[in-house]
PDB file of N, CA and C in Angstrom:
ATOM      1  N   UNK A   1      10.259  73.326  32.493  1.00  0.00           N
ATOM      2  CA  UNK A   1       9.413  72.124  33.305  1.00  0.00           C
ATOM      3  C   UNK A   1       9.057  72.734  34.236  1.00  0.00           C
ATOM      4  N   UNK A   2       7.399  72.405  34.428  1.00  0.00           N
ATOM      5  CA  UNK A   2       7.662  71.901  35.642  1.00  0.00           C
ATOM      6  C   UNK A   2       6.736  70.396  36.499  1.00  0.00           C
ATOM      7  N   UNK A   3       6.505  70.813  37.701  1.00  0.00           N
ATOM      8  CA  UNK A   3       7.127  69.780  39.183  1.00  0.00           C
ATOM      9  C   UNK A   3       5.334  69.562  38.792  1.00  0.00           C
ATOM     10  N   UNK A   4       5.380  67.822  38.382  1.00  0.00           N
ATOM     11  CA  UNK A   4       3.836  67.424  39.119  1.00  0.00           C
ATOM     12  C   UNK A   4       3.542  67.117  40.701  1.00  0.00           C
ATOM     13  N   UNK A   5       4.974  66.618  40.826  1.00  0.00           N
ATOM     14  CA  UNK A   5       4.778  66.356  42.216  1.00  0.00           C
ATOM     15  C   UNK A   5       5.357  67.252  43.776  1.00  0.00           C
ATOM     16  N   UNK A   6       4.307  67.771  44.718  1.00  0.00           N
ATOM     17  CA  UNK A   6       5.667  68.334  45.650  1.00  0.00           C
ATOM     18  C   UNK A   6       6.706  67.462  46.090  1.00  0.00           C
ATOM     19  N   UNK A   7       7.968  68.185  46.502  1.00  0.00           N
ATOM     20  CA  UNK A   7       8.427  67.457  47.222  1.00  0.00           C
ATOM     21  C   UNK A   7       7.925  67.518  49.250  1.00  0.00           C
ATOM     22  N   UNK A   8       8.672  66.313  49.863  1.00  0.00           N
ATOM     23  CA  UNK A   8       8.717  67.021  51.270  1.00  0.00           C
ATOM     24  C   UNK A   8       6.990  65.921  51.404  1.00  0.00           C
ATOM     25  N   UNK A   9       7.308  65.758  53.148  1.00  0.00           N
ATOM     26  CA  UNK A   9       6.062  65.040  53.702  1.00  0.00           C
ATOM     27  C   UNK A   9       4.957  65.452  53.430  1.00  0.00           C
ATOM     28  N   UNK A  10       3.623  64.791  52.938  1.00  0.00           N
ATOM     29  CA  UNK A  10       2.387  65.740  53.317  1.00  0.00           C
ATOM     30  C   UNK A  10       2.156  66.051  54.236  1.00  0.00           C
ATOM     31  N   UNK A  11       1.077  66.872  54.611  1.00  0.00           N
ATOM     32  CA  UNK A  11       1.030  67.657  56.106  1.00  0.00           C
ATOM     33  C   UNK A  11      -0.609  66.851  56.598  1.00  0.00           C
ATOM     34  N   UNK A  12       0.180  66.277  57.966  1.00  0.00           N
ATOM     35  CA  UNK A  12      -1.528  65.582  58.222  1.00  0.00           C
ATOM     36  C   UNK A  12      -2.202  66.379  58.999  1.00  0.00           C
ATOM     37  N   UNK A  13      -3.297  65.274  59.281  1.00  0.00           N
ATOM     38  CA  UNK A  13      -4.444  67.013  59.807  1.00  0.00           C
ATOM     39  C   UNK A  13      -3.915  66.794  61.343  1.00  0.00           C
ATOM     40  N   UNK A  14      -4.686  67.365  61.757  1.00  0.00           N
ATOM     41  CA  UNK A  14      -4.612  68.023  63.458  1.00  0.00           C
ATOM     42  C   UNK A  14      -5.361  66.895  63.772  1.00  0.00           C
ATOM     43  N   UNK A  15      -4.782  66.070  64.823  1.00  0.00           N
ATOM     44  CA  UNK A  15      -5.843  65.392  65.595  1.00  0.00           C
ATOM     45  C   UNK A  15      -6.779  65.607  66.632  1.00  0.00           C
ATOM     46  N   UNK A  16      -7.876  65.677  66.820  1.00  0.00           N
ATOM     47  CA  UNK A  16      -8.611  65.874  68.224  1.00  0.00           C
ATOM     48  C   UNK A  16      -8.938  65.201  68.910  1.00  0.00           C
ATOM     49  N   UNK A  17      -7.945  65.294  70.232  1.00  0.00           N
ATOM     50  CA  UNK A  17      -8.561  64.354  71.414  1.00  0.00           C
ATOM     51  C   UNK A  17     -10.075  63.934  71.663  1.00  0.00           C
ATOM     52  N   UNK A  18     -10.384  62.225  72.232  1.00  0.00           N
ATOM     53  CA  UNK A  18     -11.611  61.991  72.165  1.00  0.00           C
ATOM     54  C   UNK A  18     -12.639  62.602  73.051  1.00  0.00           C
ATOM     55  N   UNK A  19     -13.718  63.156  73.543  1.00  0.00           N
ATOM     56  CA  UNK A  19     -14.440  63.493  73.833  1.00  0.00           C
ATOM     57  C   UNK A  19     -14.790  62.415  74.756  1.00  0.00           C
ATOM     58  N   UNK A  20     -14.487  63.266  76.366  1.00  0.00           N
ATOM     59  CA  UNK A  20     -14.658  61.791  77.833  1.00  0.00           C
ATOM     60  C   UNK A  20     -15.640  62.053  77.768  1.00  0.00           C
ATOM     61  N   UNK A  21     -17.321  61.758  78.392  1.00  0.00           N
ATOM     62  CA  UNK A  21     -18.075  62.566  78.370  1.00  0.00           C
ATOM     63  C   UNK A  21     -18.160  61.845  80.695  1.00  0.00           C
ATOM     64  N   UNK A  22     -18.471  62.821  81.315  1.00  0.00           N
ATOM     65  CA  UNK A  22     -18.358  62.683  82.296  1.00  0.00           C
ATOM     66  C   UNK A  22     -19.206  62.272  83.557  1.00  0.00           C
ATOM     67  N   UNK A  23     -19.254  61.375  83.965  1.00  0.00           N
ATOM     68  CA  UNK A  23     -20.147  60.723  84.504  1.00  0.00           C
ATOM     69  C   UNK A  23     -21.306  61.536  85.160  1.00  0.00           C
ATOM     70  N   UNK A  24     -22.092  61.803  85.488  1.00  0.00           N
ATOM     71  CA  UNK A  24     -22.684  62.232  85.966  1.00  0.00           C
ATOM     72  C   UNK A  24     -23.863  61.615  87.818  1.00  0.00           C
ATOM     73  N   UNK A  25     -23.863  62.089  88.669  1.00  0.00           N
ATOM     74  CA  UNK A  25     -24.132  61.373  89.342  1.00  0.00           C
ATOM     75  C   UNK A  25     -25.226  60.384  89.312  1.00  0.00           C
ATOM     76  N   UNK A  26     -25.441  59.360  90.273  1.00  0.00           N
ATOM     77  CA  UNK A  26     -26.599  58.588  89.915  1.00  0.00           C
ATOM     78  C   UNK A  26     -27.830  58.825  91.430  1.00  0.00           C
ATOM     79  N   UNK A  27     -28.807  58.878  91.272  1.00  0.00           N
ATOM     80  CA  UNK A  27     -29.263  59.478  92.989  1.00  0.00           C
ATOM     81  C   UNK A  27     -29.873  58.297  93.239  1.00  0.00           C
ATOM     82  N   UNK A  28     -29.742  57.185  94.700  1.00  0.00           N
ATOM     83  CA  UNK A  28     -30.138  56.466  95.240  1.00  0.00           C
ATOM     84  C   UNK A  28     -31.026  56.991  96.233  1.00  0.00           C
ATOM     85  N   UNK A  29     -32.402  55.862  96.092  1.00  0.00           N
ATOM     86  CA  UNK A  29     -33.281  56.133  96.486  1.00  0.00           C
ATOM     87  C   UNK A  29     -33.855  55.050  97.859  1.00  0.00           C
ATOM     88  N   UNK A  30     -33.391  55.348  99.126  1.00  0.00           N
ATOM     89  CA  UNK A  30     -33.142  54.036 100.062  1.00  0.00           C
ATOM     90  C   UNK A  30     -34.325  53.865 100.394  1.00  0.00           C
ATOM     91  N   UNK A  31     -35.136  53.419  99.864  1.00  0.00           N
ATOM     92  CA  UNK A  31     -37.014  53.012 100.715  1.00  0.00           C
ATOM     93  C   UNK A  31     -36.358  51.614 100.683  1.00  0.00           C
ATOM     94  N   UNK A  32     -36.948  51.043 101.453  1.00  0.00           N
ATOM     95  CA  UNK A  32     -36.317  49.561 102.414  1.00  0.00           C
ATOM     96  C   UNK A  32     -37.270  48.748 101.296  1.00  0.00           C
ATOM     97  N   UNK A  33     -36.293  47.691 100.746  1.00  0.00           N
ATOM     98  CA  UNK A  33     -37.051  46.388 100.473  1.00  0.00           C
ATOM     99  C   UNK A  33     -36.928  46.360  98.668  1.00  0.00           C
ATOM    100  N   UNK A  34     -38.044  46.403  97.978  1.00  0.00           N
ATOM    101  CA  UNK A  34     -37.152  45.741  96.333  1.00  0.00           C
ATOM    102  C   UNK A  34     -37.410  47.269  95.305  1.00  0.00           C
ATOM    103  N   UNK A  35     -38.731  48.333  96.452  1.00  0.00           N
ATOM    104  CA  UNK A  35     -38.730  49.073  95.929  1.00  0.00           C
ATOM    105  C   UNK A  35     -38.142  49.980  95.869  1.00  0.00           C
ATOM    106  N   UNK A  36     -36.556  50.766  96.430  1.00  0.00           N
ATOM    107  CA  UNK A  36     -35.279  51.453  96.521  1.00  0.00           C
ATOM    108  C   UNK A  36     -35.090  51.134  94.669  1.00  0.00           C
ATOM    109  N   UNK A  37     -34.620  51.905  94.509  1.00  0.00           N
ATOM    110  CA  UNK A  37     -34.447  52.497  93.625  1.00  0.00           C
ATOM    111  C   UNK A  37     -33.221  53.406  92.538  1.00  0.00           C
ATOM    112  N   UNK A  38     -32.618  53.526  91.330  1.00  0.00           N
ATOM    113  CA  UNK A  38     -31.441  54.658  91.192  1.00  0.00           C
ATOM    114  C   UNK A  38     -32.136  55.379  89.734  1.00  0.00           C
ATOM    115  N   UNK A  39     -31.438  56.496  90.035  1.00  0.00           N
ATOM    116  CA  UNK A  39     -31.765  57.491  88.383  1.00  0.00           C
ATOM    117  C   UNK A  39     -31.071  58.676  88.850  1.00  0.00           C
ATOM    118  N   UNK A  40     -31.430  59.101  87.793  1.00  0.00           N
ATOM    119  CA  UNK A  40     -30.326  59.984  87.348  1.00  0.00           C
ATOM    120  C   UNK A  40     -30.891  61.315  87.877  1.00  0.00           C
ATOM    121  N   UNK A  41     -31.985  61.160  88.468  1.00  0.00           N
ATOM    122  CA  UNK A  41     -33.024  62.619  88.319  1.00  0.00           C
ATOM    123  C   UNK A  41     -34.232  62.722  89.258  1.00  0.00           C
ATOM    124  N   UNK A  42     -34.433  63.553  89.994  1.00  0.00           N
ATOM    125  CA  UNK A  42     -36.098  63.700  90.542  1.00  0.00           C
ATOM    126  C   UNK A  42     -37.040  62.852  89.040  1.00  0.00           C
ATOM    127  N   UNK A  43     -37.868  62.509  89.692  1.00  0.00           N
ATOM    128  CA  UNK A  43     -38.457  62.119  88.454  1.00  0.00           C
ATOM    129  C   UNK A  43     -40.053  60.682  89.084  1.00  0.00           C
ATOM    130  N   UNK A  44     -41.010  61.256  88.535  1.00  0.00           N
ATOM    131  CA  UNK A  44     -42.399  59.967  88.932  1.00  0.00           C
ATOM    132  C   UNK A  44     -42.334  58.784  88.201  1.00  0.00           C
ATOM    133  N   UNK A  45     -41.518  59.191  87.140  1.00  0.00           N
ATOM    134  CA  UNK A  45     -41.475  58.601  85.474  1.00  0.00           C
ATOM    135  C   UNK A  45     -40.662  57.182  85.601  1.00  0.00           C
ATOM    136  N   UNK A  46     -41.511  55.836  86.163  1.00  0.00           N
ATOM    137  CA  UNK A  46     -40.583  54.093  85.697  1.00  0.00           C
ATOM    138  C   UNK A  46     -40.028  54.092  84.871  1.00  0.00           C
ATOM    139  N   UNK A  47     -40.263  53.962  84.099  1.00  0.00           N
ATOM    140  CA  UNK A  47     -39.052  54.409  83.139  1.00  0.00           C
ATOM    141  C   UNK A  47     -38.089  54.635  83.036  1.00  0.00           C
ATOM    142  N   UNK A  48     -37.785  55.337  83.754  1.00  0.00           N
ATOM    143  CA  UNK A  48     -36.539  56.278  84.065  1.00  0.00           C
ATOM    144  C   UNK A  48     -35.567  56.124  85.489  1.00  0.00           C
ATOM    145  N   UNK A  49     -36.634  54.614  85.932  1.00  0.00           N
ATOM    146  CA  UNK A  49     -35.802  54.267  87.176  1.00  0.00           C
ATOM    147  C   UNK A  49     -35.475  52.765  87.531  1.00  0.00           C
ATOM    148  N   UNK A  50     -33.804  52.731  88.181  1.00  0.00           N
ATOM    149  CA  UNK A  50     -33.556  51.440  88.078  1.00  0.00           C
ATOM    150  C   UNK A  50     -33.964  50.601  89.130  1.00  0.00           C
ATOM    151  N   UNK A  51     -35.285  50.259  89.910  1.00  0.00           N
ATOM    152  CA  UNK A  51     -35.690  49.421  90.670  1.00  0.00           C
ATOM    153  C   UNK A  51     -34.508  48.201  91.234  1.00  0.00           C
ATOM    154  N   UNK A  52     -34.224  48.350  92.369  1.00  0.00           N
ATOM    155  CA  UNK A  52     -33.205  46.826  93.604  1.00  0.00           C
ATOM    156  C   UNK A  52     -33.688  46.103  92.301  1.00  0.00           C
ATOM    157  N   UNK A  53     -34.775  45.357  92.942  1.00  0.00           N
ATOM    158  CA  UNK A  53     -36.044  44.099  92.378  1.00  0.00           C
ATOM    159  C   UNK A  53     -34.890  44.454  90.816  1.00  0.00           C
ATOM    160  N   UNK A  54     -34.619  45.042  89.789  1.00  0.00           N
ATOM    161  CA  UNK A  54     -34.046  44.530  88.367  1.00  0.00           C
ATOM    162  C   UNK A  54     -32.612  44.076  88.526  1.00  0.00           C
ATOM    163  N   UNK A  55     -31.986  45.480  89.473  1.00  0.00           N
ATOM    164  CA  UNK A  55     -30.678  44.482  89.408  1.00  0.00           C
ATOM    165  C   UNK A  55     -30.600  43.305  90.162  1.00  0.00           C
ATOM    166  N   UNK A  56     -31.817  42.758  90.745  1.00  0.00           N
ATOM    167  CA  UNK A  56     -31.168  41.351  91.819  1.00  0.00           C
ATOM    168  C   UNK A  56     -31.280  40.542  90.254  1.00  0.00           C
ATOM    169  N   UNK A  57     -32.266  40.986  89.835  1.00  0.00           N
ATOM    170  CA  UNK A  57     -33.533  39.865  88.681  1.00  0.00           C
ATOM    171  C   UNK A  57     -32.385  39.573  87.608  1.00  0.00           C
ATOM    172  N   UNK A  58     -31.560  40.955  87.063  1.00  0.00           N
ATOM    173  CA  UNK A  58     -30.729  41.029  85.617  1.00  0.00           C
ATOM    174  C   UNK A  58     -29.475  41.013  85.990  1.00  0.00           C
ATOM    175  N   UNK A  59     -28.894  41.012  87.282  1.00  0.00           N
ATOM    176  CA  UNK A  59     -27.600  41.188  87.607  1.00  0.00           C
ATOM    177  C   UNK A  59     -27.083  40.707  87.309  1.00  0.00           C
ATOM    178  N   UNK A  60     -27.328  39.002  87.299  1.00  0.00           N
ATOM    179  CA  UNK A  60     -26.390  37.985  86.657  1.00  0.00           C
ATOM    180  C   UNK A  60     -26.042  38.365  84.914  1.00  0.00           C
ATOM    181  N   UNK A  61     -26.673  38.620  84.219  1.00  0.00           N
ATOM    182  CA  UNK A  61     -26.278  39.327  82.872  1.00  0.00           C
ATOM    183  C   UNK A  61     -25.230  40.342  82.678  1.00  0.00           C
ATOM    184  N   UNK A  62     -24.910  41.438  83.533  1.00  0.00           N
ATOM    185  CA  UNK A  62     -23.519  42.179  83.840  1.00  0.00           C
ATOM    186  C   UNK A  62     -21.357  40.746  82.882  1.00  0.00           C
ATOM    187  N   UNK A  63     -21.936  40.280  83.698  1.00  0.00           N
ATOM    188  CA  UNK A  63     -20.807  38.986  83.343  1.00  0.00           C
ATOM    189  C   UNK A  63     -20.763  38.436  82.000  1.00  0.00           C
ATOM    190  N   UNK A  64     -21.601  38.996  81.128  1.00  0.00           N
ATOM    191  CA  UNK A  64     -22.108  38.220  79.754  1.00  0.00           C
ATOM    192  C   UNK A  64     -20.989  39.334  79.185  1.00  0.00           C
ATOM    193  N   UNK A  65     -20.336  38.770  77.689  1.00  0.00           N
ATOM    194  CA  UNK A  65     -19.116  39.189  76.887  1.00  0.00           C
ATOM    195  C   UNK A  65     -20.467  40.809  76.069  1.00  0.00           C
ATOM    196  N   UNK A  66     -21.481  40.608  75.778  1.00  0.00           N
ATOM    197  CA  UNK A  66     -22.047  41.813  75.636  1.00  0.00           C
ATOM    198  C   UNK A  66     -23.254  42.229  76.351  1.00  0.00           C
ATOM    199  N   UNK A  67     -22.846  42.730  77.793  1.00  0.00           N
ATOM    200  CA  UNK A  67     -23.887  42.949  78.689  1.00  0.00           C
ATOM    201  C   UNK A  67     -24.347  44.211  78.301  1.00  0.00           C
ATOM    202  N   UNK A  68     -24.117  44.910  77.839  1.00  0.00           N
ATOM    203  CA  UNK A  68     -24.908  46.496  77.595  1.00  0.00           C
ATOM    204  C   UNK A  68     -26.137  46.201  76.836  1.00  0.00           C
ATOM    205  N   UNK A  69     -25.628  45.179  75.438  1.00  0.00           N
ATOM    206  CA  UNK A  69     -26.836  44.716  74.631  1.00  0.00           C
ATOM    207  C   UNK A  69     -27.788  43.683  75.574  1.00  0.00           C
ATOM    208  N   UNK A  70     -27.339  43.380  76.309  1.00  0.00           N
ATOM    209  CA  UNK A  70     -28.385  42.301  76.793  1.00  0.00           C
ATOM    210  C   UNK A  70     -29.362  43.078  78.137  1.00  0.00           C
ATOM    211  N   UNK A  71     -28.916  43.746  78.622  1.00  0.00           N
ATOM    212  CA  UNK A  71     -29.117  45.036  79.958  1.00  0.00           C
ATOM    213  C   UNK A  71     -29.888  45.188  79.188  1.00  0.00           C
ATOM    214  N   UNK A  72     -29.933  46.478  77.950  1.00  0.00           N
ATOM    215  CA  UNK A  72     -30.457  47.814  77.327  1.00  0.00           C
ATOM    216  C   UNK A  72     -31.983  46.865  76.803  1.00  0.00           C
ATOM    217  N   UNK A  73     -31.828  45.168  76.796  1.00  0.00           N
ATOM    218  CA  UNK A  73     -33.225  44.984  76.222  1.00  0.00           C
ATOM    219  C   UNK A  73     -34.316  44.422  77.641  1.00  0.00           C
ATOM    220  N   UNK A  74     -33.539  44.717  78.334  1.00  0.00           N
ATOM    221  CA  UNK A  74     -34.487  44.315  79.625  1.00  0.00           C
ATOM    222  C   UNK A  74     -35.120  45.604  80.850  1.00  0.00           C
ATOM    223  N   UNK A  75     -33.942  46.289  80.325  1.00  0.00           N
ATOM    224  CA  UNK A  75     -33.890  47.459  81.522  1.00  0.00           C
ATOM    225  C   UNK A  75     -34.547  48.676  81.255  1.00  0.00           C
ATOM    226  N   UNK A  76     -35.701  49.110  81.852  1.00  0.00           N
ATOM    227  CA  UNK A  76     -36.583  50.242  81.566  1.00  0.00           C
ATOM    228  C   UNK A  76     -35.968  51.192  79.568  1.00  0.00           C
ATOM    229  N   UNK A  77     -36.682  51.817  79.100  1.00  0.00           N
ATOM    230  CA  UNK A  77     -35.952  52.252  78.220  1.00  0.00           C
ATOM    231  C   UNK A  77     -35.375  53.821  78.042  1.00  0.00           C
ATOM    232  N   UNK A  78     -35.889  54.440  79.147  1.00  0.00           N
ATOM    233  CA  UNK A  78     -36.123  55.745  79.203  1.00  0.00           C
ATOM    234  C   UNK A  78     -34.575  55.773  80.298  1.00  0.00           C
ATOM    235  N   UNK A  79     -34.279  54.466  81.506  1.00  0.00           N
ATOM    236  CA  UNK A  79     -33.338  54.249  82.022  1.00  0.00           C
ATOM    237  C   UNK A  79     -31.812  54.089  81.692  1.00  0.00           C
ATOM    238  N   UNK A  80     -32.102  53.340  80.563  1.00  0.00           N
ATOM    239  CA  UNK A  80     -30.795  52.973  79.224  1.00  0.00           C
ATOM    240  C   UNK A  80     -30.675  54.840  78.350  1.00  0.00           C
ATOM    241  N   UNK A  81     -31.551  54.949  78.070  1.00  0.00           N
ATOM    242  CA  UNK A  81     -31.227  55.866  77.004  1.00  0.00           C
ATOM    243  C   UNK A  81     -30.559  57.523  78.004  1.00  0.00           C
ATOM    244  N   UNK A  82     -31.137  57.379  79.876  1.00  0.00           N
ATOM    245  CA  UNK A  82     -30.632  58.680  80.656  1.00  0.00           C
ATOM    246  C   UNK A  82     -29.131  58.464  81.235  1.00  0.00           C
ATOM    247  N   UNK A  83     -28.710  57.065  80.997  1.00  0.00           N
ATOM    248  CA  UNK A  83     -27.587  55.982  82.085  1.00  0.00           C
ATOM    249  C   UNK A  83     -26.361  56.475  80.421  1.00  0.00           C
ATOM    250  N   UNK A  84     -27.115  56.272  79.007  1.00  0.00           N
ATOM    251  CA  UNK A  84     -25.611  56.952  77.649  1.00  0.00           C
ATOM    252  C   UNK A  84     -25.957  58.418  78.304  1.00  0.00           C
ATOM    253  N   UNK A  85     -26.640  59.217  77.762  1.00  0.00           N
ATOM    254  CA  UNK A  85     -27.082  60.796  77.776  1.00  0.00           C
ATOM    255  C   UNK A  85     -25.484  61.212  78.922  1.00  0.00           C
ATOM    256  N   UNK A  86     -25.641  60.324  80.250  1.00  0.00           N
ATOM    257  CA  UNK A  86     -24.834  61.144  81.492  1.00  0.00           C
ATOM    258  C   UNK A  86     -23.680  60.021  81.854  1.00  0.00           C
ATOM    259  N   UNK A  87     -23.282  59.996  80.522  1.00  0.00           N
ATOM    260  CA  UNK A  87     -22.002  58.839  80.825  1.00  0.00           C
ATOM    261  C   UNK A  87     -21.527  57.587  81.081  1.00  0.00           C
ATOM    262  N   UNK A  88     -22.599  56.387  81.565  1.00  0.00           N
ATOM    263  CA  UNK A  88     -22.870  55.020  81.913  1.00  0.00           C
ATOM    264  C   UNK A  88     -23.302  54.587  80.872  1.00  0.00           C
ATOM    265  N   UNK A  89     -21.823  53.893  80.812  1.00  0.00           N
ATOM    266  CA  UNK A  89     -22.716  51.967  80.860  1.00  0.00           C
ATOM    267  C   UNK A  89     -23.789  51.721  81.347  1.00  0.00           C
ATOM    268  N   UNK A  90     -24.444  50.469  80.953  1.00  0.00           N
ATOM    269  CA  UNK A  90     -25.244  49.685  81.753  1.00  0.00           C
ATOM    270  C   UNK A  90     -24.698  49.133  82.815  1.00  0.00           C
ATOM    271  N   UNK A  91     -23.561  48.644  81.850  1.00  0.00           N
ATOM    272  CA  UNK A  91     -22.690  47.375  83.095  1.00  0.00           C
ATOM    273  C   UNK A  91     -22.491  48.353  84.312  1.00  0.00           C
ATOM    274  N   UNK A  92     -21.745  49.703  83.864  1.00  0.00           N
ATOM    275  CA  UNK A  92     -21.576  50.604  85.128  1.00  0.00           C
ATOM    276  C   UNK A  92     -22.302  50.667  86.367  1.00  0.00           C
ATOM    277  N   UNK A  93     -24.213  50.998  85.379  1.00  0.00           N
ATOM    278  CA  UNK A  93     -24.807  51.306  86.369  1.00  0.00           C
ATOM    279  C   UNK A  93     -25.407  50.317  87.478  1.00  0.00           C
ATOM    280  N   UNK A  94     -25.426  48.886  86.772  1.00  0.00           N
ATOM    281  CA  UNK A  94     -25.951  48.156  88.051  1.00  0.00           C
ATOM    282  C   UNK A  94     -24.663  47.234  88.768  1.00  0.00           C
TER     283      UNK A  94
END
Protein backbone atom coordinates (compact mmCIF):
# COMPACT_ATOMS: atom_id res chain seq x y z
CA UNK A 1 0.00 0.00 0.00
CA UNK A 2 1.43 3.42 -0.95
CA UNK A 3 1.39 6.52 1.17
CA UNK A 4 -0.97 9.25 0.06
CA UNK A 5 0.45 11.91 2.32
CA UNK A 6 4.08 12.65 3.03
CA UNK A 7 5.35 12.77 6.54
CA UNK A 8 7.18 15.67 8.11
CA UNK A 9 6.67 19.37 7.96
CA UNK A 10 5.93 21.15 4.70
CA UNK A 11 8.73 23.25 3.26
CA UNK A 12 8.11 26.94 3.54
CA UNK A 13 9.03 29.24 0.71
CA UNK A 14 12.03 31.43 1.39
CA UNK A 15 11.07 34.91 2.40
CA UNK A 16 12.61 37.84 0.62
CA UNK A 17 13.37 40.98 2.59
CA UNK A 18 11.30 44.03 1.64
CA UNK A 19 12.91 46.31 -0.89
CA UNK A 20 13.82 49.58 0.76
CA UNK A 21 13.97 52.60 -1.51
CA UNK A 22 16.72 54.94 -0.43
CA UNK A 23 15.67 58.57 -0.40
CA UNK A 24 17.31 60.62 -3.11
CA UNK A 25 18.32 64.12 -2.13
CA UNK A 26 15.87 66.94 -2.66
CA UNK A 27 17.43 70.15 -3.91
CA UNK A 28 16.48 73.50 -2.38
CA UNK A 29 16.79 76.62 -4.50
CA UNK A 30 17.04 79.45 -2.01
CA UNK A 31 15.65 82.31 -4.02
CA UNK A 32 14.21 84.79 -1.56
CA UNK A 33 10.49 84.87 -0.96
CA UNK A 34 7.71 82.59 -2.08
CA UNK A 35 9.48 81.80 -5.36
CA UNK A 36 11.96 79.45 -3.69
CA UNK A 37 11.30 75.76 -4.23
CA UNK A 38 12.39 72.16 -3.71
CA UNK A 39 12.76 69.57 -6.46
CA UNK A 40 14.58 66.33 -7.21
CA UNK A 41 16.70 67.66 -10.04
CA UNK A 42 17.25 70.68 -12.21
CA UNK A 43 14.09 71.39 -14.16
CA UNK A 44 12.22 74.28 -15.72
CA UNK A 45 8.93 72.35 -15.42
CA UNK A 46 6.88 74.01 -12.67
CA UNK A 47 4.87 70.81 -12.14
CA UNK A 48 8.06 69.15 -10.85
CA UNK A 49 8.74 71.80 -8.20
CA UNK A 50 7.42 72.20 -4.66
CA UNK A 51 7.24 75.95 -4.14
CA UNK A 52 7.57 77.48 -0.68
CA UNK A 53 4.20 79.12 -1.18
CA UNK A 54 2.59 75.67 -1.51
CA UNK A 55 4.31 74.48 1.67
CA UNK A 56 2.96 77.48 3.56
CA UNK A 57 -0.49 77.10 2.04
CA UNK A 58 -0.93 73.32 2.37
CA UNK A 59 1.35 72.64 5.35
CA UNK A 60 -1.63 72.14 7.66
CA UNK A 61 -2.61 69.02 5.67
CA UNK A 62 0.46 67.20 7.05
CA UNK A 63 -1.31 66.61 10.37
CA UNK A 64 -4.27 64.79 8.78
CA UNK A 65 -4.44 60.98 9.07
CA UNK A 66 -4.60 60.69 5.28
CA UNK A 67 -2.00 63.41 4.65
CA UNK A 68 -0.40 61.77 1.61
CA UNK A 69 -3.76 61.48 -0.18
CA UNK A 70 -4.71 65.04 0.71
CA UNK A 71 -1.35 66.41 -0.44
CA UNK A 72 -1.47 64.38 -3.67
CA UNK A 73 -4.74 66.11 -4.54
CA UNK A 74 -3.29 69.64 -4.20
CA UNK A 75 0.42 69.42 -5.06
CA UNK A 76 1.71 69.42 -8.64
CA UNK A 77 1.39 65.98 -10.23
CA UNK A 78 4.96 65.93 -11.52
CA UNK A 79 6.35 66.59 -8.05
CA UNK A 80 4.22 63.84 -6.46
CA UNK A 81 5.42 61.35 -9.09
CA UNK A 82 9.06 62.37 -8.60
CA UNK A 83 8.72 62.13 -4.82
CA UNK A 84 7.35 58.58 -4.90
CA UNK A 85 10.01 57.48 -7.39
CA UNK A 86 12.75 58.94 -5.20
CA UNK A 87 11.52 57.21 -2.01
CA UNK A 88 9.80 60.19 -0.37
CA UNK A 89 6.30 60.38 1.01
CA UNK A 90 4.57 63.68 0.38
CA UNK A 91 4.32 64.20 4.13
CA UNK A 92 8.11 63.90 4.42
CA UNK A 93 8.64 66.16 1.43
CA UNK A 94 6.54 68.91 3.00
